[in-house]
Amino acid sequence: MGETVTRAQLSEAVYQEVGLSRNESAELVELVLAEISDCLARGDTVKLSSFGSFSVRKKGGRMGRNPKTGEEVPIKPRRVLVFRPSHVLKERINGSSGGASAAAD
């Protein structure tokens, strides 16, 4: 399996590619992530071209079952985050050679 990419690694990639200072790169990554989070918290959909879209879906309450005890337990209504990858991202993940620009590993 692949490794987990951290905020620090994203900031370093911005630093290497864009040429901002390390502090500015870290701040830029934080601002982008904060804006995405704020939009989703408001219930907006976030679409990133050639990547995918994030949206919030409402799930109704229902009765669930504790798998350990078999006891029925009510599950409260909640909002869940949904990600739908773009076709370009799907093709890139599956190794098709017709899509997006190659990124450095």
PDB file of N, CA and C in Angstrom:
ATOM      1  N   MET A   1       0.823  -1.192   0.000  1.00  0.00           N
ATOM      2  CA  MET A   1       0.000   0.000   0.000  1.00  0.00           C
ATOM      3  C   MET A   1       0.863   1.249   0.000  1.00  0.00           C
ATOM      4  N   GLY A   2       0.258   2.345  -0.425  1.00  0.00           N
ATOM      5  CA  GLY A   2       0.970   3.614  -0.449  1.00  0.00           C
ATOM      6  C   GLY A   2       1.030   4.243   0.929  1.00  0.00           C
ATOM      7  N   GLU A   3       1.829   5.286   1.011  1.00  0.00           N
ATOM      8  CA  GLU A   3       1.944   5.982   2.288  1.00  0.00           C
ATOM      9  C   GLU A   3       0.884   7.069   2.403  1.00  0.00           C
ATOM     10  N   THR A   4       0.711   7.566   3.603  1.00  0.00           N
ATOM     11  CA  THR A   4      -0.222   8.657   3.855  1.00  0.00           C
ATOM     12  C   THR A   4       0.482   9.981   3.585  1.00  0.00           C
ATOM     13  N   VAL A   5      -0.178  10.863   2.854  1.00  0.00           N
ATOM     14  CA  VAL A   5       0.382  12.181   2.560  1.00  0.00           C
ATOM     15  C   VAL A   5      -0.090  13.145   3.641  1.00  0.00           C
ATOM     16  N   THR A   6       0.852  13.891   4.204  1.00  0.00           N
ATOM     17  CA  THR A   6       0.546  14.816   5.300  1.00  0.00           C
ATOM     18  C   THR A   6       0.471  16.252   4.792  1.00  0.00           C
ATOM     19  N   ARG A   7      -0.034  17.120   5.650  1.00  0.00           N
ATOM     20  CA  ARG A   7      -0.059  18.555   5.327  1.00  0.00           C
ATOM     21  C   ARG A   7       1.348  19.065   5.069  1.00  0.00           C
ATOM     22  N   ALA A   8       2.292  18.597   5.859  1.00  0.00           N
ATOM     23  CA  ALA A   8       3.680  19.038   5.693  1.00  0.00           C
ATOM     24  C   ALA A   8       4.207  18.635   4.315  1.00  0.00           C
ATOM     25  N   GLN A   9       3.855  17.450   3.849  1.00  0.00           N
ATOM     26  CA  GLN A   9       4.297  17.015   2.524  1.00  0.00           C
ATOM     27  C   GLN A   9       3.620  17.836   1.420  1.00  0.00           C
ATOM     28  N   LEU A  10       2.347  18.155   1.609  1.00  0.00           N
ATOM     29  CA  LEU A  10       1.664  19.012   0.640  1.00  0.00           C
ATOM     30  C   LEU A  10       2.314  20.393   0.601  1.00  0.00           C
ATOM     31  N   SER A  11       2.624  20.930   1.769  1.00  0.00           N
ATOM     32  CA  SER A  11       3.278  22.241   1.846  1.00  0.00           C
ATOM     33  C   SER A  11       4.640  22.205   1.156  1.00  0.00           C
ATOM     34  N   GLU A  12       5.381  21.132   1.365  1.00  0.00           N
ATOM     35  CA  GLU A  12       6.700  20.989   0.740  1.00  0.00           C
ATOM     36  C   GLU A  12       6.562  20.901  -0.781  1.00  0.00           C
ATOM     37  N   ALA A  13       5.540  20.199  -1.264  1.00  0.00           N
ATOM     38  CA  ALA A  13       5.312  20.104  -2.708  1.00  0.00           C
ATOM     39  C   ALA A  13       4.990  21.478  -3.295  1.00  0.00           C
ATOM     40  N   VAL A  14       4.179  22.274  -2.592  1.00  0.00           N
ATOM     41  CA  VAL A  14       3.867  23.631  -3.053  1.00  0.00           C
ATOM     42  C   VAL A  14       5.156  24.460  -3.062  1.00  0.00           C
ATOM     43  N   TYR A  15       5.948  24.326  -2.023  1.00  0.00           N
ATOM     44  CA  TYR A  15       7.219  25.050  -1.939  1.00  0.00           C
ATOM     45  C   TYR A  15       8.111  24.715  -3.135  1.00  0.00           C
ATOM     46  N   GLN A  16       8.226  23.424  -3.452  1.00  0.00           N
ATOM     47  CA  GLN A  16       9.092  22.977  -4.547  1.00  0.00           C
ATOM     48  C   GLN A  16       8.576  23.426  -5.914  1.00  0.00           C
ATOM     49  N   GLU A  17       7.261  23.353  -6.114  1.00  0.00           N
ATOM     50  CA  GLU A  17       6.681  23.620  -7.435  1.00  0.00           C
ATOM     51  C   GLU A  17       6.403  25.093  -7.704  1.00  0.00           C
ATOM     52  N   VAL A  18       5.948  25.819  -6.695  1.00  0.00           N
ATOM     53  CA  VAL A  18       5.477  27.186  -6.914  1.00  0.00           C
ATOM     54  C   VAL A  18       6.557  28.213  -6.610  1.00  0.00           C
ATOM     55  N   GLY A  19       7.416  27.901  -5.660  1.00  0.00           N
ATOM     56  CA  GLY A  19       8.487  28.835  -5.344  1.00  0.00           C
ATOM     57  C   GLY A  19       8.162  29.811  -4.235  1.00  0.00           C
ATOM     58  N   LEU A  20       7.043  29.621  -3.544  1.00  0.00           N
ATOM     59  CA  LEU A  20       6.770  30.439  -2.362  1.00  0.00           C
ATOM     60  C   LEU A  20       7.711  30.006  -1.246  1.00  0.00           C
ATOM     61  N   SER A  21       7.805  30.814  -0.207  1.00  0.00           N
ATOM     62  CA  SER A  21       8.606  30.393   0.946  1.00  0.00           C
ATOM     63  C   SER A  21       7.914  29.203   1.616  1.00  0.00           C
ATOM     64  N   ARG A  22       8.647  28.512   2.470  1.00  0.00           N
ATOM     65  CA  ARG A  22       8.052  27.352   3.163  1.00  0.00           C
ATOM     66  C   ARG A  22       6.862  27.792   4.018  1.00  0.00           C
ATOM     67  N   ASN A  23       7.003  28.942   4.701  1.00  0.00           N
ATOM     68  CA  ASN A  23       5.899  29.440   5.530  1.00  0.00           C
ATOM     69  C   ASN A  23       4.692  29.820   4.682  1.00  0.00           C
ATOM     70  N   GLU A  24       4.933  30.486   3.565  1.00  0.00           N
ATOM     71  CA  GLU A  24       3.832  30.867   2.674  1.00  0.00           C
ATOM     72  C   GLU A  24       3.161  29.629   2.077  1.00  0.00           C
ATOM     73  N   SER A  25       3.954  28.629   1.745  1.00  0.00           N
ATOM     74  CA  SER A  25       3.417  27.391   1.188  1.00  0.00           C
ATOM     75  C   SER A  25       2.527  26.690   2.211  1.00  0.00           C
ATOM     76  N   ALA A  26       2.989  26.619   3.457  1.00  0.00           N
ATOM     77  CA  ALA A  26       2.200  25.984   4.512  1.00  0.00           C
ATOM     78  C   ALA A  26       0.907  26.762   4.743  1.00  0.00           C
ATOM     79  N   GLU A  27       0.998  28.078   4.725  1.00  0.00           N
ATOM     80  CA  GLU A  27      -0.177  28.921   4.927  1.00  0.00           C
ATOM     81  C   GLU A  27      -1.180  28.737   3.782  1.00  0.00           C
ATOM     82  N   LEU A  28      -0.685  28.647   2.556  1.00  0.00           N
ATOM     83  CA  LEU A  28      -1.549  28.438   1.399  1.00  0.00           C
ATOM     84  C   LEU A  28      -2.305  27.111   1.504  1.00  0.00           C
ATOM     85  N   VAL A  29      -1.601  26.046   1.865  1.00  0.00           N
ATOM     86  CA  VAL A  29      -2.245  24.732   2.031  1.00  0.00           C
ATOM     87  C   VAL A  29      -3.318  24.819   3.116  1.00  0.00           C
ATOM     88  N   GLU A  30      -3.001  25.462   4.232  1.00  0.00           N
ATOM     89  CA  GLU A  30      -3.973  25.604   5.326  1.00  0.00           C
ATOM     90  C   GLU A  30      -5.199  26.394   4.883  1.00  0.00           C
ATOM     91  N   LEU A  31      -4.989  27.475   4.124  1.00  0.00           N
ATOM     92  CA  LEU A  31      -6.105  28.293   3.653  1.00  0.00           C
ATOM     93  C   LEU A  31      -7.015  27.506   2.706  1.00  0.00           C
ATOM     94  N   VAL A  32      -6.423  26.728   1.816  1.00  0.00           N
ATOM     95  CA  VAL A  32      -7.220  25.923   0.877  1.00  0.00           C
ATOM     96  C   VAL A  32      -8.031  24.885   1.635  1.00  0.00           C
ATOM     97  N   LEU A  33      -7.392  24.180   2.561  1.00  0.00           N
ATOM     98  CA  LEU A  33      -8.102  23.151   3.330  1.00  0.00           C
ATOM     99  C   LEU A  33      -9.202  23.770   4.202  1.00  0.00           C
ATOM    100  N   ALA A  34      -8.931  24.931   4.778  1.00  0.00           N
ATOM    101  CA  ALA A  34      -9.932  25.611   5.608  1.00  0.00           C
ATOM    102  C   ALA A  34     -11.126  26.042   4.767  1.00  0.00           C
ATOM    103  N   GLU A  35     -10.875  26.549   3.564  1.00  0.00           N
ATOM    104  CA  GLU A  35     -11.971  26.978   2.682  1.00  0.00           C
ATOM    105  C   GLU A  35     -12.827  25.787   2.260  1.00  0.00           C
ATOM    106  N   ILE A  36     -12.190  24.675   1.928  1.00  0.00           N
ATOM    107  CA  ILE A  36     -12.939  23.458   1.575  1.00  0.00           C
ATOM    108  C   ILE A  36     -13.786  23.018   2.762  1.00  0.00           C
ATOM    109  N   SER A  37     -13.198  22.985   3.945  1.00  0.00           N
ATOM    110  CA  SER A  37     -13.922  22.575   5.154  1.00  0.00           C
ATOM    111  C   SER A  37     -15.102  23.491   5.445  1.00  0.00           C
ATOM    112  N   ASP A  38     -14.883  24.812   5.329  1.00  0.00           N
ATOM    113  CA  ASP A  38     -15.953  25.777   5.589  1.00  0.00           C
ATOM    114  C   ASP A  38     -17.110  25.602   4.609  1.00  0.00           C
ATOM    115  N   CYS A  39     -16.791  25.408   3.342  1.00  0.00           N
ATOM    116  CA  CYS A  39     -17.838  25.204   2.329  1.00  0.00           C
ATOM    117  C   CYS A  39     -18.650  23.953   2.631  1.00  0.00           C
ATOM    118  N   LEU A  40     -17.979  22.874   2.983  1.00  0.00           N
ATOM    119  CA  LEU A  40     -18.676  21.627   3.291  1.00  0.00           C
ATOM    120  C   LEU A  40     -19.524  21.757   4.551  1.00  0.00           C
ATOM    121  N   ALA A  41     -19.024  22.474   5.551  1.00  0.00           N
ATOM    122  CA  ALA A  41     -19.777  22.675   6.790  1.00  0.00           C
ATOM    123  C   ALA A  41     -21.067  23.453   6.525  1.00  0.00           C
ATOM    124  N   ARG A  42     -21.042  24.351   5.523  1.00  0.00           N
ATOM    125  CA  ARG A  42     -22.248  25.091   5.147  1.00  0.00           C
ATOM    126  C   ARG A  42     -23.198  24.238   4.310  1.00  0.00           C
ATOM    127  N   GLY A  43     -22.744  23.082   3.876  1.00  0.00           N
ATOM    128  CA  GLY A  43     -23.576  22.224   3.050  1.00  0.00           C
ATOM    129  C   GLY A  43     -23.366  22.406   1.564  1.00  0.00           C
ATOM    130  N   ASP A  44     -22.358  23.202   1.180  1.00  0.00           N
ATOM    131  CA  ASP A  44     -22.050  23.422  -0.235  1.00  0.00           C
ATOM    132  C   ASP A  44     -21.310  22.216  -0.802  1.00  0.00           C
ATOM    133  N   THR A  45     -21.344  22.078  -2.116  1.00  0.00           N
ATOM    134  CA  THR A  45     -20.566  21.056  -2.813  1.00  0.00           C
ATOM    135  C   THR A  45     -19.275  21.701  -3.288  1.00  0.00           C
ATOM    136  N   VAL A  46     -18.162  20.980  -3.149  1.00  0.00           N
ATOM    137  CA  VAL A  46     -16.864  21.469  -3.607  1.00  0.00           C
ATOM    138  C   VAL A  46     -16.439  20.604  -4.790  1.00  0.00           C
ATOM    139  N   LYS A  47     -16.299  21.238  -5.971  1.00  0.00           N
ATOM    140  CA  LYS A  47     -15.885  20.533  -7.180  1.00  0.00           C
ATOM    141  C   LYS A  47     -14.495  20.991  -7.576  1.00  0.00           C
ATOM    142  N   LEU A  48     -13.597  20.023  -7.727  1.00  0.00           N
ATOM    143  CA  LEU A  48     -12.238  20.308  -8.158  1.00  0.00           C
ATOM    144  C   LEU A  48     -12.039  19.643  -9.517  1.00  0.00           C
ATOM    145  N   SER A  49     -11.907  20.444 -10.554  1.00  0.00           N
ATOM    146  CA  SER A  49     -11.803  19.945 -11.913  1.00  0.00           C
ATOM    147  C   SER A  49     -10.690  18.907 -12.040  1.00  0.00           C
ATOM    148  N   SER A  50     -10.961  17.826 -12.736  1.00  0.00           N
ATOM    149  CA  SER A  50     -10.025  16.724 -12.975  1.00  0.00           C
ATOM    150  C   SER A  50      -9.626  15.983 -11.698  1.00  0.00           C
ATOM    151  N   PHE A  51     -10.305  16.257 -10.603  1.00  0.00           N
ATOM    152  CA  PHE A  51     -10.028  15.556  -9.343  1.00  0.00           C
ATOM    153  C   PHE A  51     -11.288  14.875  -8.839  1.00  0.00           C
ATOM    154  N   GLY A  52     -12.331  15.660  -8.526  1.00  0.00           N
ATOM    155  CA  GLY A  52     -13.579  15.087  -8.047  1.00  0.00           C
ATOM    156  C   GLY A  52     -14.383  16.114  -7.287  1.00  0.00           C
ATOM    157  N   SER A  53     -15.453  15.634  -6.662  1.00  0.00           N
ATOM    158  CA  SER A  53     -16.298  16.552  -5.901  1.00  0.00           C
ATOM    159  C   SER A  53     -16.587  15.983  -4.519  1.00  0.00           C
ATOM    160  N   PHE A  54     -16.647  16.898  -3.565  1.00  0.00           N
ATOM    161  CA  PHE A  54     -16.992  16.579  -2.189  1.00  0.00           C
ATOM    162  C   PHE A  54     -18.372  17.164  -1.932  1.00  0.00           C
ATOM    163  N   SER A  55     -19.225  16.402  -1.279  1.00  0.00           N
ATOM    164  CA  SER A  55     -20.535  16.926  -0.914  1.00  0.00           C
ATOM    165  C   SER A  55     -20.954  16.327   0.420  1.00  0.00           C
ATOM    166  N   VAL A  56     -21.945  16.975   1.024  1.00  0.00           N
ATOM    167  CA  VAL A  56     -22.474  16.518   2.304  1.00  0.00           C
ATOM    168  C   VAL A  56     -23.859  15.949   2.046  1.00  0.00           C
ATOM    169  N   ARG A  57     -24.104  14.752   2.550  1.00  0.00           N
ATOM    170  CA  ARG A  57     -25.387  14.096   2.366  1.00  0.00           C
ATOM    171  C   ARG A  57     -26.038  13.892   3.728  1.00  0.00           C
ATOM    172  N   LYS A  58     -27.343  14.115   3.790  1.00  0.00           N
ATOM    173  CA  LYS A  58     -28.073  13.905   5.038  1.00  0.00           C
ATOM    174  C   LYS A  58     -28.569  12.466   5.087  1.00  0.00           C
ATOM    175  N   LYS A  59     -28.316  11.820   6.217  1.00  0.00           N
ATOM    176  CA  LYS A  59     -28.821  10.468   6.421  1.00  0.00           C
ATOM    177  C   LYS A  59     -29.853  10.521   7.538  1.00  0.00           C
ATOM    178  N   GLY A  60     -30.957   9.880   7.318  1.00  0.00           N
ATOM    179  CA  GLY A  60     -32.022   9.871   8.317  1.00  0.00           C
ATOM    180  C   GLY A  60     -31.716   8.937   9.468  1.00  0.00           C
ATOM    181  N   GLY A  61     -32.450   9.103  10.542  1.00  0.00           N
ATOM    182  CA  GLY A  61     -32.307   8.220  11.681  1.00  0.00           C
ATOM    183  C   GLY A  61     -32.867   6.833  11.353  1.00  0.00           C
ATOM    184  N   ARG A  62     -32.355   5.839  12.031  1.00  0.00           N
ATOM    185  CA  ARG A  62     -32.839   4.474  11.810  1.00  0.00           C
ATOM    186  C   ARG A  62     -32.458   3.610  13.007  1.00  0.00           C
ATOM    187  N   MET A  63     -32.975   2.415  13.008  1.00  0.00           N
ATOM    188  CA  MET A  63     -32.604   1.464  14.058  1.00  0.00           C
ATOM    189  C   MET A  63     -31.440   0.623  13.544  1.00  0.00           C
ATOM    190  N   GLY A  64     -30.411   0.528  14.349  1.00  0.00           N
ATOM    191  CA  GLY A  64     -29.260  -0.300  14.020  1.00  0.00           C
ATOM    192  C   GLY A  64     -29.148  -1.428  15.015  1.00  0.00           C
ATOM    193  N   ARG A  65     -28.134  -2.241  14.852  1.00  0.00           N
ATOM    194  CA  ARG A  65     -27.952  -3.364  15.755  1.00  0.00           C
ATOM    195  C   ARG A  65     -26.491  -3.426  16.173  1.00  0.00           C
ATOM    196  N   ASN A  66     -26.266  -3.545  17.478  1.00  0.00           N
ATOM    197  CA  ASN A  66     -24.919  -3.726  18.001  1.00  0.00           C
ATOM    198  C   ASN A  66     -24.461  -5.124  17.584  1.00  0.00           C
ATOM    199  N   PRO A  67     -23.411  -5.248  16.769  1.00  0.00           N
ATOM    200  CA  PRO A  67     -23.007  -6.561  16.284  1.00  0.00           C
ATOM    201  C   PRO A  67     -22.495  -7.490  17.382  1.00  0.00           C
ATOM    202  N   LYS A  68     -22.021  -6.923  18.462  1.00  0.00           N
ATOM    203  CA  LYS A  68     -21.484  -7.735  19.545  1.00  0.00           C
ATOM    204  C   LYS A  68     -22.595  -8.355  20.393  1.00  0.00           C
ATOM    205  N   THR A  69     -23.609  -7.552  20.721  1.00  0.00           N
ATOM    206  CA  THR A  69     -24.657  -8.023  21.631  1.00  0.00           C
ATOM    207  C   THR A  69     -25.965  -8.356  20.910  1.00  0.00           C
ATOM    208  N   GLY A  70     -26.124  -7.871  19.678  1.00  0.00           N
ATOM    209  CA  GLY A  70     -27.373  -8.079  18.962  1.00  0.00           C
ATOM    210  C   GLY A  70     -28.471  -7.119  19.386  1.00  0.00           C
ATOM    211  N   GLU A  71     -28.170  -6.242  20.324  1.00  0.00           N
ATOM    212  CA  GLU A  71     -29.157  -5.292  20.844  1.00  0.00           C
ATOM    213  C   GLU A  71     -29.451  -4.214  19.807  1.00  0.00           C
ATOM    214  N   GLU A  72     -30.736  -3.867  19.640  1.00  0.00           N
ATOM    215  CA  GLU A  72     -31.117  -2.792  18.734  1.00  0.00           C
ATOM    216  C   GLU A  72     -30.768  -1.452  19.363  1.00  0.00           C
ATOM    217  N   VAL A  73     -30.209  -0.567  18.545  1.00  0.00           N
ATOM    218  CA  VAL A  73     -29.766   0.737  19.016  1.00  0.00           C
ATOM    219  C   VAL A  73     -30.229   1.789  18.006  1.00  0.00           C
ATOM    220  N   PRO A  74     -30.812   2.905  18.483  1.00  0.00           N
ATOM    221  CA  PRO A  74     -31.210   3.947  17.536  1.00  0.00           C
ATOM    222  C   PRO A  74     -29.976   4.699  17.015  1.00  0.00           C
ATOM    223  N   ILE A  75     -29.967   4.955  15.714  1.00  0.00           N
ATOM    224  CA  ILE A  75     -28.907   5.747  15.098  1.00  0.00           C
ATOM    225  C   ILE A  75     -29.523   7.093  14.724  1.00  0.00           C
ATOM    226  N   LYS A  76     -28.940   8.165  15.231  1.00  0.00           N
ATOM    227  CA  LYS A  76     -29.483   9.507  15.028  1.00  0.00           C
ATOM    228  C   LYS A  76     -29.262   9.981  13.592  1.00  0.00           C
ATOM    229  N   PRO A  77     -30.117  10.888  13.130  1.00  0.00           N
ATOM    230  CA  PRO A  77     -29.880  11.503  11.818  1.00  0.00           C
ATOM    231  C   PRO A  77     -28.542  12.239  11.848  1.00  0.00           C
ATOM    232  N   ARG A  78     -27.851  12.219  10.723  1.00  0.00           N
ATOM    233  CA  ARG A  78     -26.535  12.862  10.683  1.00  0.00           C
ATOM    234  C   ARG A  78     -26.206  13.264   9.255  1.00  0.00           C
ATOM    235  N   ARG A  79     -25.128  14.036   9.133  1.00  0.00           N
ATOM    236  CA  ARG A  79     -24.622  14.414   7.817  1.00  0.00           C
ATOM    237  C   ARG A  79     -23.317  13.666   7.583  1.00  0.00           C
ATOM    238  N   VAL A  80     -23.125  13.162   6.363  1.00  0.00           N
ATOM    239  CA  VAL A  80     -21.908  12.427   6.042  1.00  0.00           C
ATOM    240  C   VAL A  80     -21.236  13.067   4.828  1.00  0.00           C
ATOM    241  N   LEU A  81     -19.929  12.967   4.779  1.00  0.00           N
ATOM    242  CA  LEU A  81     -19.148  13.505   3.682  1.00  0.00           C
ATOM    243  C   LEU A  81     -19.022  12.454   2.588  1.00  0.00           C
ATOM    244  N   VAL A  82     -19.281  12.866   1.355  1.00  0.00           N
ATOM    245  CA  VAL A  82     -19.202  11.965   0.210  1.00  0.00           C
ATOM    246  C   VAL A  82     -18.193  12.533  -0.777  1.00  0.00           C
ATOM    247  N   PHE A  83     -17.305  11.669  -1.295  1.00  0.00           N
ATOM    248  CA  PHE A  83     -16.365  12.078  -2.333  1.00  0.00           C
ATOM    249  C   PHE A  83     -16.637  11.256  -3.579  1.00  0.00           C
ATOM    250  N   ARG A  84     -16.745  11.947  -4.706  1.00  0.00           N
ATOM    251  CA  ARG A  84     -16.918  11.279  -5.989  1.00  0.00           C
ATOM    252  C   ARG A  84     -15.754  11.674  -6.890  1.00  0.00           C
ATOM    253  N   PRO A  85     -14.902  10.723  -7.209  1.00  0.00           N
ATOM    254  CA  PRO A  85     -13.756  11.045  -8.056  1.00  0.00           C
ATOM    255  C   PRO A  85     -14.189  11.341  -9.489  1.00  0.00           C
ATOM    256  N   SER A  86     -13.418  12.192 -10.175  1.00  0.00           N
ATOM    257  CA  SER A  86     -13.692  12.490 -11.579  1.00  0.00           C
ATOM    258  C   SER A  86     -13.240  11.312 -12.434  1.00  0.00           C
ATOM    259  N   HIS A  87     -13.695  11.296 -13.675  1.00  0.00           N
ATOM    260  CA  HIS A  87     -13.263  10.245 -14.596  1.00  0.00           C
ATOM    261  C   HIS A  87     -11.757  10.317 -14.834  1.00  0.00           C
ATOM    262  N   VAL A  88     -11.222  11.546 -14.863  1.00  0.00           N
ATOM    263  CA  VAL A  88      -9.781  11.727 -15.063  1.00  0.00           C
ATOM    264  C   VAL A  88      -9.006  11.066 -13.925  1.00  0.00           C
ATOM    265  N   LEU A  89      -9.438  11.268 -12.692  1.00  0.00           N
ATOM    266  CA  LEU A  89      -8.765  10.671 -11.544  1.00  0.00           C
ATOM    267  C   LEU A  89      -8.906   9.157 -11.567  1.00  0.00           C
ATOM    268  N   LYS A  90     -10.096   8.665 -11.882  1.00  0.00           N
ATOM    269  CA  LYS A  90     -10.304   7.212 -11.963  1.00  0.00           C
ATOM    270  C   LYS A  90      -9.376   6.583 -12.990  1.00  0.00           C
ATOM    271  N   GLU A  91      -9.264   7.228 -14.155  1.00  0.00           N
ATOM    272  CA  GLU A  91      -8.384   6.703 -15.198  1.00  0.00           C
ATOM    273  C   GLU A  91      -6.930   6.716 -14.752  1.00  0.00           C
ATOM    274  N   ARG A  92      -6.536   7.774 -14.081  1.00  0.00           N
ATOM    275  CA  ARG A  92      -5.150   7.870 -13.621  1.00  0.00           C
ATOM    276  C   ARG A  92      -4.843   6.790 -12.580  1.00  0.00           C
ATOM    277  N   ILE A  93      -5.770   6.563 -11.670  1.00  0.00           N
ATOM    278  CA  ILE A  93      -5.576   5.543 -10.637  1.00  0.00           C
ATOM    279  C   ILE A  93      -5.500   4.152 -11.256  1.00  0.00           C
ATOM    280  N   ASN A  94      -6.299   3.927 -12.291  1.00  0.00           N
ATOM    281  CA  ASN A  94      -6.342   2.617 -12.927  1.00  0.00           C
ATOM    282  C   ASN A  94      -5.299   2.446 -14.031  1.00  0.00           C
ATOM    283  N   GLY A  95      -4.436   3.457 -14.204  1.00  0.00           N
ATOM    284  CA  GLY A  95      -3.309   3.305 -15.104  1.00  0.00           C
ATOM    285  C   GLY A  95      -3.573   3.605 -16.557  1.00  0.00           C
ATOM    286  N   SER A  96      -4.715   4.173 -16.896  1.00  0.00           N
ATOM    287  CA  SER A  96      -4.962   4.548 -18.285  1.00  0.00           C
ATOM    288  C   SER A  96      -4.037   5.696 -18.647  1.00  0.00           C
ATOM    289  N   SER A  97      -3.559   5.701 -19.876  1.00  0.00           N
ATOM    290  CA  SER A  97      -2.582   6.716 -20.265  1.00  0.00           C
ATOM    291  C   SER A  97      -3.175   7.864 -21.042  1.00  0.00           C
ATOM    292  N   GLY A  98      -4.478   8.095 -20.937  1.00  0.00           N
ATOM    293  CA  GLY A  98      -5.062   9.154 -21.721  1.00  0.00           C
ATOM    294  C   GLY A  98      -5.422  10.393 -20.951  1.00  0.00           C
ATOM    295  N   GLY A  99      -4.993  10.530 -19.696  1.00  0.00           N
ATOM    296  CA  GLY A  99      -5.576  11.575 -18.862  1.00  0.00           C
ATOM    297  C   GLY A  99      -4.685  12.712 -18.481  1.00  0.00           C
ATOM    298  N   ALA A 100      -4.639  12.982 -17.226  1.00  0.00           N
ATOM    299  CA  ALA A 100      -4.044  14.188 -16.650  1.00  0.00           C
ATOM    300  C   ALA A 100      -2.541  14.200 -16.782  1.00  0.00           C
ATOM    301  N   SER A 101      -1.969  15.346 -16.476  1.00  0.00           N
ATOM    302  CA  SER A 101      -0.529  15.505 -16.516  1.00  0.00           C
ATOM    303  C   SER A 101       0.121  14.660 -15.431  1.00  0.00           C
ATOM    304  N   ALA A 102       1.324  14.196 -15.708  1.00  0.00           N
ATOM    305  CA  ALA A 102       2.027  13.352 -14.755  1.00  0.00           C
ATOM    306  C   ALA A 102       2.611  14.204 -13.643  1.00  0.00           C
ATOM    307  N   ALA A 103       2.406  13.770 -12.417  1.00  0.00           N
ATOM    308  CA  ALA A 103       2.947  14.487 -11.254  1.00  0.00           C
ATOM    309  C   ALA A 103       4.178  13.741 -10.750  1.00  0.00           C
ATOM    310  N   ALA A 104       5.111  14.475 -10.204  1.00  0.00           N
ATOM    311  CA  ALA A 104       6.308  13.855  -9.639  1.00  0.00           C
ATOM    312  C   ALA A 104       5.957  13.114  -8.369  1.00  0.00           C
ATOM    313  N   ASP A 105       6.540  11.943  -8.204  1.00  0.00           N
ATOM    314  CA  ASP A 105       6.271  11.140  -6.990  1.00  0.00           C
ATOM    315  C   ASP A 105       7.159  11.537  -5.864  1.00  0.00           C
TER     316      ASP A 105
END
